[in-house]
Structures are given as C-alpha cells and as structure tokens.
Amino acid sequence: MLDPKHFDDLVQRLSSAMPKGIQVLQEDINKNVRASLEAGLSRLDLVTREEFDVQSAVLARTREKLAALEAQVGELERALDAGRATAD
C-alpha cells in the first residue's frame, strides 16, 4: 500500500485546490477524500516495494538457473549428436 505521507500530501493538494468557501469544511473533506482514496486503492491489486523487490530477485535467480539449464541441454544434445555420428 502507499505510504501514509503520500496520502496526506495528495489529500492536502486536493483540498487546497477546492474553492475558498468549501475550504471551511477542510478537515471533514480531508477525512472523506482520504477514505475514498484508501478504498479505491485497496481495490487495486498493488504490492509493496519490498514484495516487488523480492519477486524481482526470485525472477533473476530463476533466469540464471534457466540459462544454465539451457546451456547444459545444449551440451548434452551436442554430445548425443557426436555419439550418433561416431556410431554411424
């Protein structure tokens, strides 16, 4: 989820952009805008930066393993082809 400081900043910017007459109700508006933002963002399928970094590391390790396995399969295929060539 987003950092609460980001929410506060966004709410502050939205409330300051409202007409002066409405700004009298600023505290109530801030609470309502914040609640609406949190509700809307909670419905999105978001991950934290930490979760993203962990999954990126897992993906990088998986790609390394895949590359090693592809190289190993290539070597085995070459060895198999060489064995067939000598058998013929």
N, C-alpha and C. Protein backbone atom coordinates (compact mmCIF):
# COMPACT_ATOMS: atom_id res chain seq x y z
N MET A 1 0.86 -1.18 0.00
CA MET A 1 0.00 0.00 0.00
C MET A 1 0.89 1.23 0.00
N LEU A 2 0.33 2.34 -0.35
CA LEU A 2 1.09 3.58 -0.39
C LEU A 2 1.46 4.07 1.00
N ASP A 3 2.52 4.80 1.06
CA ASP A 3 2.99 5.41 2.31
C ASP A 3 1.95 6.43 2.77
N PRO A 4 1.62 6.46 4.05
CA PRO A 4 0.63 7.43 4.56
C PRO A 4 1.02 8.88 4.24
N LYS A 5 2.31 9.16 4.15
CA LYS A 5 2.75 10.52 3.81
C LYS A 5 2.28 10.90 2.41
N HIS A 6 2.27 9.91 1.51
CA HIS A 6 1.79 10.17 0.15
C HIS A 6 0.29 10.51 0.16
N PHE A 7 -0.47 9.76 0.98
CA PHE A 7 -1.89 10.05 1.12
C PHE A 7 -2.10 11.47 1.63
N ASP A 8 -1.39 11.80 2.70
CA ASP A 8 -1.54 13.13 3.30
C ASP A 8 -1.22 14.23 2.30
N ASP A 9 -0.15 14.02 1.53
CA ASP A 9 0.24 15.02 0.53
C ASP A 9 -0.83 15.16 -0.55
N LEU A 10 -1.33 14.03 -1.03
CA LEU A 10 -2.36 14.06 -2.07
C LEU A 10 -3.64 14.70 -1.56
N VAL A 11 -4.04 14.35 -0.35
CA VAL A 11 -5.25 14.93 0.24
C VAL A 11 -5.07 16.43 0.42
N GLN A 12 -3.90 16.83 0.89
CA GLN A 12 -3.64 18.26 1.09
C GLN A 12 -3.71 19.03 -0.24
N ARG A 13 -3.13 18.45 -1.29
CA ARG A 13 -3.17 19.13 -2.60
C ARG A 13 -4.59 19.22 -3.13
N LEU A 14 -5.37 18.14 -2.96
CA LEU A 14 -6.75 18.16 -3.44
C LEU A 14 -7.58 19.17 -2.66
N SER A 15 -7.40 19.20 -1.35
CA SER A 15 -8.21 20.12 -0.55
C SER A 15 -7.82 21.57 -0.79
N SER A 16 -6.55 21.84 -1.05
CA SER A 16 -6.13 23.22 -1.31
C SER A 16 -6.61 23.71 -2.68
N ALA A 17 -6.93 22.78 -3.57
CA ALA A 17 -7.41 23.16 -4.89
C ALA A 17 -8.91 23.47 -4.89
N MET A 18 -9.58 23.22 -3.78
CA MET A 18 -11.02 23.46 -3.70
C MET A 18 -11.29 24.95 -3.49
N PRO A 19 -12.47 25.39 -3.90
CA PRO A 19 -12.84 26.81 -3.71
C PRO A 19 -12.79 27.21 -2.24
N LYS A 20 -12.56 28.50 -1.98
CA LYS A 20 -12.40 29.02 -0.61
C LYS A 20 -13.60 28.72 0.29
N GLY A 21 -14.80 28.81 -0.23
CA GLY A 21 -16.00 28.56 0.58
C GLY A 21 -16.04 27.14 1.10
N ILE A 22 -15.54 26.23 0.34
CA ILE A 22 -15.56 24.82 0.73
C ILE A 22 -14.42 24.51 1.69
N GLN A 23 -13.36 25.30 1.64
CA GLN A 23 -12.21 25.01 2.49
C GLN A 23 -12.51 25.16 3.98
N VAL A 24 -13.62 25.81 4.32
CA VAL A 24 -14.05 25.91 5.71
C VAL A 24 -14.29 24.51 6.26
N LEU A 25 -14.75 23.65 5.44
CA LEU A 25 -15.03 22.27 5.82
C LEU A 25 -13.83 21.35 5.56
N GLN A 26 -12.65 21.93 5.55
CA GLN A 26 -11.45 21.22 5.10
C GLN A 26 -11.17 19.93 5.87
N GLU A 27 -11.29 19.95 7.17
CA GLU A 27 -10.98 18.74 7.94
C GLU A 27 -11.90 17.59 7.57
N ASP A 28 -13.18 17.89 7.46
CA ASP A 28 -14.15 16.86 7.08
C ASP A 28 -13.88 16.37 5.65
N ILE A 29 -13.58 17.30 4.78
CA ILE A 29 -13.28 16.95 3.39
C ILE A 29 -12.02 16.09 3.33
N ASN A 30 -10.99 16.46 4.10
CA ASN A 30 -9.75 15.68 4.14
C ASN A 30 -10.02 14.23 4.53
N LYS A 31 -10.82 14.04 5.56
CA LYS A 31 -11.15 12.69 6.02
C LYS A 31 -11.88 11.91 4.93
N ASN A 32 -12.85 12.56 4.29
CA ASN A 32 -13.64 11.89 3.25
C ASN A 32 -12.78 11.57 2.02
N VAL A 33 -11.95 12.51 1.61
CA VAL A 33 -11.09 12.27 0.44
C VAL A 33 -10.11 11.15 0.75
N ARG A 34 -9.52 11.19 1.94
CA ARG A 34 -8.56 10.15 2.33
C ARG A 34 -9.23 8.78 2.34
N ALA A 35 -10.42 8.69 2.92
CA ALA A 35 -11.15 7.42 2.98
C ALA A 35 -11.48 6.92 1.57
N SER A 36 -11.87 7.84 0.70
CA SER A 36 -12.19 7.45 -0.68
C SER A 36 -10.95 6.95 -1.42
N LEU A 37 -9.84 7.65 -1.23
CA LEU A 37 -8.59 7.22 -1.88
C LEU A 37 -8.16 5.85 -1.38
N GLU A 38 -8.18 5.66 -0.06
CA GLU A 38 -7.78 4.37 0.50
C GLU A 38 -8.69 3.25 0.01
N ALA A 39 -9.98 3.50 -0.05
CA ALA A 39 -10.92 2.47 -0.52
C ALA A 39 -10.66 2.14 -1.99
N GLY A 40 -10.45 3.17 -2.79
CA GLY A 40 -10.18 2.94 -4.22
C GLY A 40 -8.89 2.20 -4.45
N LEU A 41 -7.86 2.59 -3.74
CA LEU A 41 -6.56 1.93 -3.91
C LEU A 41 -6.54 0.53 -3.34
N SER A 42 -7.33 0.28 -2.31
CA SER A 42 -7.36 -1.06 -1.73
C SER A 42 -7.98 -2.07 -2.69
N ARG A 43 -8.81 -1.60 -3.61
CA ARG A 43 -9.41 -2.49 -4.60
C ARG A 43 -8.44 -2.86 -5.71
N LEU A 44 -7.37 -2.08 -5.85
CA LEU A 44 -6.37 -2.38 -6.86
C LEU A 44 -5.46 -3.50 -6.36
N ASP A 45 -4.92 -4.24 -7.29
CA ASP A 45 -4.03 -5.35 -6.94
C ASP A 45 -2.60 -4.83 -6.88
N LEU A 46 -2.28 -4.10 -5.79
CA LEU A 46 -0.97 -3.49 -5.64
C LEU A 46 -0.11 -4.31 -4.69
N VAL A 47 1.19 -4.21 -4.89
CA VAL A 47 2.14 -4.85 -3.98
C VAL A 47 3.06 -3.78 -3.42
N THR A 48 3.66 -4.10 -2.29
CA THR A 48 4.60 -3.16 -1.71
C THR A 48 5.90 -3.21 -2.49
N ARG A 49 6.73 -2.21 -2.28
CA ARG A 49 8.03 -2.15 -2.95
C ARG A 49 8.88 -3.34 -2.51
N GLU A 50 8.77 -3.70 -1.23
CA GLU A 50 9.54 -4.83 -0.71
C GLU A 50 9.14 -6.13 -1.41
N GLU A 51 7.83 -6.36 -1.56
CA GLU A 51 7.35 -7.56 -2.25
C GLU A 51 7.83 -7.57 -3.70
N PHE A 52 7.80 -6.41 -4.34
CA PHE A 52 8.24 -6.30 -5.72
C PHE A 52 9.72 -6.65 -5.84
N ASP A 53 10.54 -6.11 -4.92
CA ASP A 53 11.98 -6.37 -4.95
C ASP A 53 12.28 -7.84 -4.71
N VAL A 54 11.55 -8.47 -3.79
CA VAL A 54 11.75 -9.90 -3.53
C VAL A 54 11.43 -10.71 -4.77
N GLN A 55 10.30 -10.42 -5.40
CA GLN A 55 9.92 -11.17 -6.60
C GLN A 55 10.88 -10.92 -7.76
N SER A 56 11.41 -9.71 -7.86
CA SER A 56 12.40 -9.42 -8.89
C SER A 56 13.66 -10.25 -8.68
N ALA A 57 14.09 -10.39 -7.42
CA ALA A 57 15.27 -11.21 -7.11
C ALA A 57 15.01 -12.67 -7.43
N VAL A 58 13.81 -13.15 -7.10
CA VAL A 58 13.46 -14.54 -7.41
C VAL A 58 13.47 -14.76 -8.92
N LEU A 59 12.92 -13.82 -9.66
CA LEU A 59 12.91 -13.92 -11.11
C LEU A 59 14.32 -13.92 -11.69
N ALA A 60 15.19 -13.07 -11.15
CA ALA A 60 16.58 -13.02 -11.64
C ALA A 60 17.28 -14.36 -11.40
N ARG A 61 17.09 -14.95 -10.21
CA ARG A 61 17.69 -16.26 -9.92
C ARG A 61 17.12 -17.33 -10.85
N THR A 62 15.83 -17.27 -11.10
CA THR A 62 15.20 -18.25 -11.98
C THR A 62 15.74 -18.14 -13.40
N ARG A 63 15.93 -16.91 -13.86
CA ARG A 63 16.50 -16.71 -15.20
C ARG A 63 17.92 -17.26 -15.29
N GLU A 64 18.72 -17.06 -14.22
CA GLU A 64 20.08 -17.59 -14.21
C GLU A 64 20.07 -19.12 -14.28
N LYS A 65 19.19 -19.74 -13.48
CA LYS A 65 19.08 -21.20 -13.50
C LYS A 65 18.63 -21.69 -14.86
N LEU A 66 17.69 -20.99 -15.47
CA LEU A 66 17.19 -21.37 -16.80
C LEU A 66 18.31 -21.30 -17.83
N ALA A 67 19.10 -20.24 -17.77
CA ALA A 67 20.22 -20.10 -18.71
C ALA A 67 21.22 -21.24 -18.52
N ALA A 68 21.50 -21.61 -17.27
CA ALA A 68 22.43 -22.71 -17.00
C ALA A 68 21.87 -24.02 -17.52
N LEU A 69 20.58 -24.25 -17.32
CA LEU A 69 19.94 -25.48 -17.81
C LEU A 69 19.92 -25.53 -19.34
N GLU A 70 19.67 -24.39 -19.97
CA GLU A 70 19.69 -24.35 -21.44
C GLU A 70 21.08 -24.70 -21.96
N ALA A 71 22.11 -24.18 -21.31
CA ALA A 71 23.49 -24.49 -21.71
C ALA A 71 23.77 -25.97 -21.51
N GLN A 72 23.32 -26.53 -20.40
CA GLN A 72 23.53 -27.95 -20.13
C GLN A 72 22.81 -28.82 -21.16
N VAL A 73 21.59 -28.47 -21.50
CA VAL A 73 20.84 -29.23 -22.52
C VAL A 73 21.56 -29.13 -23.87
N GLY A 74 22.06 -27.95 -24.20
CA GLY A 74 22.81 -27.80 -25.45
C GLY A 74 24.04 -28.69 -25.49
N GLU A 75 24.77 -28.77 -24.38
CA GLU A 75 25.95 -29.64 -24.31
C GLU A 75 25.55 -31.10 -24.47
N LEU A 76 24.48 -31.49 -23.78
CA LEU A 76 24.01 -32.88 -23.89
C LEU A 76 23.56 -33.22 -25.30
N GLU A 77 22.88 -32.27 -25.96
CA GLU A 77 22.46 -32.51 -27.34
C GLU A 77 23.66 -32.67 -28.26
N ARG A 78 24.69 -31.82 -28.06
CA ARG A 78 25.90 -31.94 -28.88
C ARG A 78 26.59 -33.27 -28.63
N ALA A 79 26.66 -33.69 -27.38
CA ALA A 79 27.29 -34.96 -27.05
C ALA A 79 26.50 -36.11 -27.67
N LEU A 80 25.18 -36.03 -27.63
CA LEU A 80 24.34 -37.07 -28.23
C LEU A 80 24.54 -37.11 -29.74
N ASP A 81 24.58 -35.94 -30.37
CA ASP A 81 24.81 -35.88 -31.82
C ASP A 81 26.19 -36.44 -32.18
N ALA A 82 27.19 -36.14 -31.37
CA ALA A 82 28.54 -36.65 -31.63
C ALA A 82 28.57 -38.16 -31.45
N GLY A 83 27.86 -38.67 -30.47
CA GLY A 83 27.79 -40.12 -30.25
C GLY A 83 27.10 -40.83 -31.40
N ARG A 84 26.08 -40.20 -31.96
CA ARG A 84 25.38 -40.79 -33.10
C ARG A 84 26.26 -40.77 -34.33
N ALA A 85 27.04 -39.72 -34.49
CA ALA A 85 27.91 -39.60 -35.67
C ALA A 85 29.01 -40.67 -35.64
N THR A 86 29.54 -40.97 -34.46
CA THR A 86 30.58 -41.98 -34.39
C THR A 86 30.01 -43.38 -34.52
N ALA A 87 28.73 -43.57 -34.19
CA ALA A 87 28.08 -44.87 -34.29
C ALA A 87 27.75 -45.21 -35.74
N ASP A 88 27.62 -44.21 -36.58
CA ASP A 88 27.24 -44.45 -37.99
C ASP A 88 28.41 -44.79 -38.81
